[in-house]
Every structure is written in structure tokens, then in C-alpha cells.
């Protein structure tokens, strides 16, 4: 069985559930939009990050 962080953390006393999908910066789950903005705010290039993710996915699929 594979457990995700969510499967493990949702029972923790400090787990903060997101109240609405409009508040993607509150709680333990973050949206991709929020994450890309956070990466940009930290001084990194979110487009480069996405290119690297896509490249990793393609390379992983090629090896199968």
C-alpha cells in the first residue's frame, strides 16, 4: 500500500483543512497556481520549474 502525505497527515491534531478552493494559500493543500506564485515570489522562474517537471515526466515515461 502507498500512503500519501495527506493520508498520513489528515489525522494529525495540527492538520489544517482548506475551507474553500478560493483560499488556496490556507491549509495543508496548496494549488498549483499558489505554488507557482510562491516559487516566483522566492525569486525563481516558475516557467523553468514547469519545463523541468515536464522534462522529468517525459524522461520517466521513456524509460518504461
C-alpha atoms as a PDB file:
ATOM      1  CA  UNK A   1       0.000   0.000   0.000  1.00  0.00           C
ATOM      2  CA  UNK A   2       1.150   3.535  -0.795  1.00  0.00           C
ATOM      3  CA  UNK A   3       0.366   6.283   1.699  1.00  0.00           C
ATOM      4  CA  UNK A   4       0.495   9.901   0.628  1.00  0.00           C
ATOM      5  CA  UNK A   5       1.407  12.729   2.963  1.00  0.00           C
ATOM      6  CA  UNK A   6      -2.281  13.635   3.031  1.00  0.00           C
ATOM      7  CA  UNK A   7      -3.306  10.106   4.058  1.00  0.00           C
ATOM      8  CA  UNK A   8      -0.887  10.276   6.953  1.00  0.00           C
ATOM      9  CA  UNK A   9      -1.304  13.908   7.967  1.00  0.00           C
ATOM     10  CA  UNK A  10      -5.101  14.253   7.798  1.00  0.00           C
ATOM     11  CA  UNK A  11      -5.403  12.591  11.216  1.00  0.00           C
ATOM     12  CA  UNK A  12      -2.768  14.768  12.880  1.00  0.00           C
ATOM     13  CA  UNK A  13      -4.011  17.219  15.525  1.00  0.00           C
ATOM     14  CA  UNK A  14      -2.304  20.158  13.754  1.00  0.00           C
ATOM     15  CA  UNK A  15      -3.742  19.367  10.300  1.00  0.00           C
ATOM     16  CA  UNK A  16      -5.452  22.460   8.883  1.00  0.00           C
ATOM     17  CA  UNK A  17      -8.163  21.656   6.344  1.00  0.00           C
ATOM     18  CA  UNK A  18      -8.730  24.095   3.496  1.00  0.00           C
ATOM     19  CA  UNK A  19     -12.064  25.824   3.960  1.00  0.00           C
ATOM     20  CA  UNK A  20     -12.707  26.751   0.309  1.00  0.00           C
ATOM     21  CA  UNK A  21     -10.997  26.310  -3.024  1.00  0.00           C
ATOM     22  CA  UNK A  22     -10.747  30.094  -3.300  1.00  0.00           C
ATOM     23  CA  UNK A  23      -8.343  30.188  -0.337  1.00  0.00           C
ATOM     24  CA  UNK A  24      -5.518  28.200  -1.878  1.00  0.00           C
ATOM     25  CA  UNK A  25      -2.923  29.703   0.444  1.00  0.00           C
ATOM     26  CA  UNK A  26      -4.523  28.450   3.681  1.00  0.00           C
ATOM     27  CA  UNK A  27      -4.425  24.899   4.974  1.00  0.00           C
ATOM     28  CA  UNK A  28      -2.264  21.928   4.130  1.00  0.00           C
ATOM     29  CA  UNK A  29      -3.201  21.555   0.448  1.00  0.00           C
ATOM     30  CA  UNK A  30      -1.895  24.164  -1.957  1.00  0.00           C
ATOM     31  CA  UNK A  31      -2.986  24.790  -5.541  1.00  0.00           C
ATOM     32  CA  UNK A  32      -0.551  24.719  -8.436  1.00  0.00           C
ATOM     33  CA  UNK A  33      -1.343  28.395  -9.040  1.00  0.00           C
ATOM     34  CA  UNK A  34      -0.342  29.276  -5.473  1.00  0.00           C
ATOM     35  CA  UNK A  35       2.782  27.123  -5.693  1.00  0.00           C
ATOM     36  CA  UNK A  36       3.933  28.759  -8.933  1.00  0.00           C
ATOM     37  CA  UNK A  37       3.351  32.225  -7.444  1.00  0.00           C
ATOM     38  CA  UNK A  38       5.280  31.215  -4.326  1.00  0.00           C
ATOM     39  CA  UNK A  39       8.184  29.999  -6.485  1.00  0.00           C
ATOM     40  CA  UNK A  40       8.144  33.328  -8.345  1.00  0.00           C
ATOM     41  CA  UNK A  41       7.979  35.296  -5.064  1.00  0.00           C
ATOM     42  CA  UNK A  42      11.070  33.392  -3.883  1.00  0.00           C
ATOM     43  CA  UNK A  43      12.970  34.707  -6.906  1.00  0.00           C
ATOM     44  CA  UNK A  44      12.817  31.616  -9.112  1.00  0.00           C
ATOM     45  CA  UNK A  45      11.420  31.200 -12.622  1.00  0.00           C
ATOM     46  CA  UNK A  46       8.142  29.209 -12.447  1.00  0.00           C
ATOM     47  CA  UNK A  47       8.199  28.573 -16.209  1.00  0.00           C
ATOM     48  CA  UNK A  48      11.641  26.964 -15.894  1.00  0.00           C
ATOM     49  CA  UNK A  49      10.380  24.861 -12.977  1.00  0.00           C
ATOM     50  CA  UNK A  50       7.437  23.633 -15.093  1.00  0.00           C
ATOM     51  CA  UNK A  51       9.773  22.874 -18.011  1.00  0.00           C
ATOM     52  CA  UNK A  52      11.982  20.829 -15.683  1.00  0.00           C
ATOM     53  CA  UNK A  53       8.959  18.949 -14.304  1.00  0.00           C
ATOM     54  CA  UNK A  54       7.693  18.201 -17.808  1.00  0.00           C
ATOM     55  CA  UNK A  55      11.155  17.057 -18.889  1.00  0.00           C
ATOM     56  CA  UNK A  56      11.388  14.726 -15.895  1.00  0.00           C
ATOM     57  CA  UNK A  57       7.956  13.243 -16.682  1.00  0.00           C
ATOM     58  CA  UNK A  58       8.861  12.660 -20.340  1.00  0.00           C
ATOM     59  CA  UNK A  59      12.181  11.045 -19.416  1.00  0.00           C
ATOM     60  CA  UNK A  60      10.426   8.840 -16.884  1.00  0.00           C
ATOM     61  CA  UNK A  61       7.870   7.698 -19.454  1.00  0.00           C
ATOM     62  CA  UNK A  62      10.588   6.958 -21.997  1.00  0.00           C
ATOM     63  CA  UNK A  63      12.299   4.574 -19.587  1.00  0.00           C
ATOM     64  CA  UNK A  64       9.176   2.441 -19.099  1.00  0.00           C
END
